[in-house]
Amino acid sequence: AQKPAAADAGTADVAAKASPGLDEEGIPVAWTLQVVTVGSRDKAEALSTRLIGMGYKAYIKALRRDSKTLYRIYVGPKFAREDMLEAKQVIDKELRVTSMVTRYLP
């Protein structure tokens, strides 16, 4: 029997990371990073642009709290939670924030 080449093992690892697991309802499990919530659309867009410049897929979701509109900045989604945890470390250090990895729900 032949042993798989090292490149084959690496390819298998990449394929496993790229393939989403499914939850009990058969929905793919993906992760997102909630970076920060700000009160200004301009601040949210500036931060999103900065994250995109750092190589991340960033997006903004508006939410209402009392009579205010807040803007939450996210990075992701990613299927491998480990990848999101790595991004969290870099983003937290670079932006001096404490972000939060959460389940991605569109």
Protein backbone atom coordinates (compact mmCIF):
# COMPACT_ATOMS: atom_id res chain seq x y z
CA ALA A 1 0.00 0.00 0.00
CA GLN A 2 1.22 3.47 -0.88
CA LYS A 3 1.29 6.27 1.65
CA PRO A 4 -0.35 9.51 0.47
CA ALA A 5 2.10 12.24 -0.46
CA ALA A 6 2.47 15.19 1.91
CA ALA A 7 0.82 17.41 -0.69
CA ASP A 8 -2.21 15.08 -0.72
CA ALA A 9 -2.53 15.38 3.06
CA GLY A 10 -2.38 19.19 2.82
CA THR A 11 -5.02 19.16 0.09
CA ALA A 12 -7.28 17.03 2.28
CA ASP A 13 -6.87 19.50 5.17
CA VAL A 14 -7.80 22.44 2.93
CA ALA A 15 -10.81 20.54 1.55
CA ALA A 16 -11.99 19.71 5.08
CA LYS A 17 -11.71 23.39 6.12
CA ALA A 18 -13.56 24.54 3.01
CA SER A 19 -16.45 22.09 3.51
CA PRO A 20 -19.03 23.32 5.99
CA GLY A 21 -20.41 21.06 8.66
CA LEU A 22 -24.18 20.89 8.98
CA ASP A 23 -26.24 21.61 12.07
CA GLU A 24 -29.14 19.41 13.25
CA GLU A 25 -31.42 21.12 10.71
CA GLY A 26 -29.03 20.47 7.82
CA ILE A 27 -27.96 24.13 7.60
CA PRO A 28 -24.24 24.76 6.89
CA VAL A 29 -22.36 25.97 9.97
CA ALA A 30 -20.28 29.09 9.38
CA TRP A 31 -18.72 31.66 11.68
CA THR A 32 -18.49 35.43 11.67
CA LEU A 33 -16.56 37.92 13.75
CA GLN A 34 -18.55 40.71 15.39
CA VAL A 35 -15.83 43.34 15.52
CA VAL A 36 -17.48 46.38 17.08
CA THR A 37 -20.71 48.38 17.28
CA VAL A 38 -20.62 52.12 16.60
CA GLY A 39 -23.19 54.90 16.55
CA SER A 40 -22.12 56.52 13.30
CA ARG A 41 -22.59 55.21 9.76
CA ASP A 42 -19.43 57.09 8.70
CA LYS A 43 -17.36 55.39 11.44
CA ALA A 44 -18.78 52.01 10.46
CA GLU A 45 -17.91 52.54 6.80
CA ALA A 46 -14.40 53.75 7.65
CA LEU A 47 -13.77 50.71 9.84
CA SER A 48 -15.21 48.38 7.22
CA THR A 49 -12.92 49.93 4.59
CA ARG A 50 -9.94 49.48 6.92
CA LEU A 51 -10.78 45.81 7.47
CA ILE A 52 -11.16 45.27 3.74
CA GLY A 53 -7.76 46.92 3.28
CA MET A 54 -6.37 44.37 5.76
CA GLY A 55 -7.67 41.60 3.50
CA TYR A 56 -10.89 40.68 5.29
CA LYS A 57 -14.45 40.45 4.00
CA ALA A 58 -16.21 43.04 6.13
CA TYR A 59 -19.85 44.06 6.22
CA ILE A 60 -22.14 46.29 8.25
CA LYS A 61 -25.56 45.60 9.78
CA ALA A 62 -27.70 48.40 11.16
CA LEU A 63 -29.76 47.77 14.29
CA ARG A 64 -32.20 49.82 16.34
CA ARG A 65 -31.73 50.30 20.09
CA ASP A 66 -34.32 52.45 21.74
CA SER A 67 -34.52 55.45 19.39
CA LYS A 68 -30.96 55.13 18.06
CA THR A 69 -29.54 53.38 15.02
CA LEU A 70 -26.31 51.51 15.70
CA TYR A 71 -23.99 49.92 13.17
CA ARG A 72 -22.36 46.58 13.82
CA ILE A 73 -19.26 45.68 11.80
CA TYR A 74 -18.62 42.04 10.99
CA VAL A 75 -15.90 40.02 9.26
CA GLY A 76 -16.60 36.73 7.53
CA PRO A 77 -18.18 34.33 7.23
CA LYS A 78 -15.74 31.43 7.38
CA PHE A 79 -16.56 27.74 7.63
CA ALA A 80 -13.56 26.89 9.84
CA ARG A 81 -13.95 28.35 13.32
CA GLU A 82 -10.16 28.11 13.76
CA ASP A 83 -9.67 30.50 10.82
CA MET A 84 -12.04 32.98 12.43
CA LEU A 85 -10.22 32.69 15.77
CA GLU A 86 -6.94 33.50 13.98
CA ALA A 87 -8.54 36.54 12.35
CA LYS A 88 -9.90 37.60 15.76
CA GLN A 89 -6.41 37.69 17.25
CA VAL A 90 -5.05 39.85 14.43
CA ILE A 91 -8.03 42.22 14.34
CA ASP A 92 -8.23 42.60 18.12
CA LYS A 93 -4.54 43.51 18.29
CA GLU A 94 -4.59 45.84 15.25
CA LEU A 95 -7.79 47.70 16.18
CA ARG A 96 -7.45 47.39 19.96
CA VAL A 97 -10.92 45.86 20.33
CA THR A 98 -12.39 42.75 21.88
CA SER A 99 -14.31 41.13 19.07
CA MET A 100 -16.58 38.10 19.35
CA VAL A 101 -16.83 34.96 17.19
CA THR A 102 -20.45 34.05 16.58
CA ARG A 103 -22.42 31.67 14.41
CA TYR A 104 -23.15 33.21 11.02
CA LEU A 105 -26.85 33.42 10.30
CA PRO A 106 -27.78 35.28 7.09
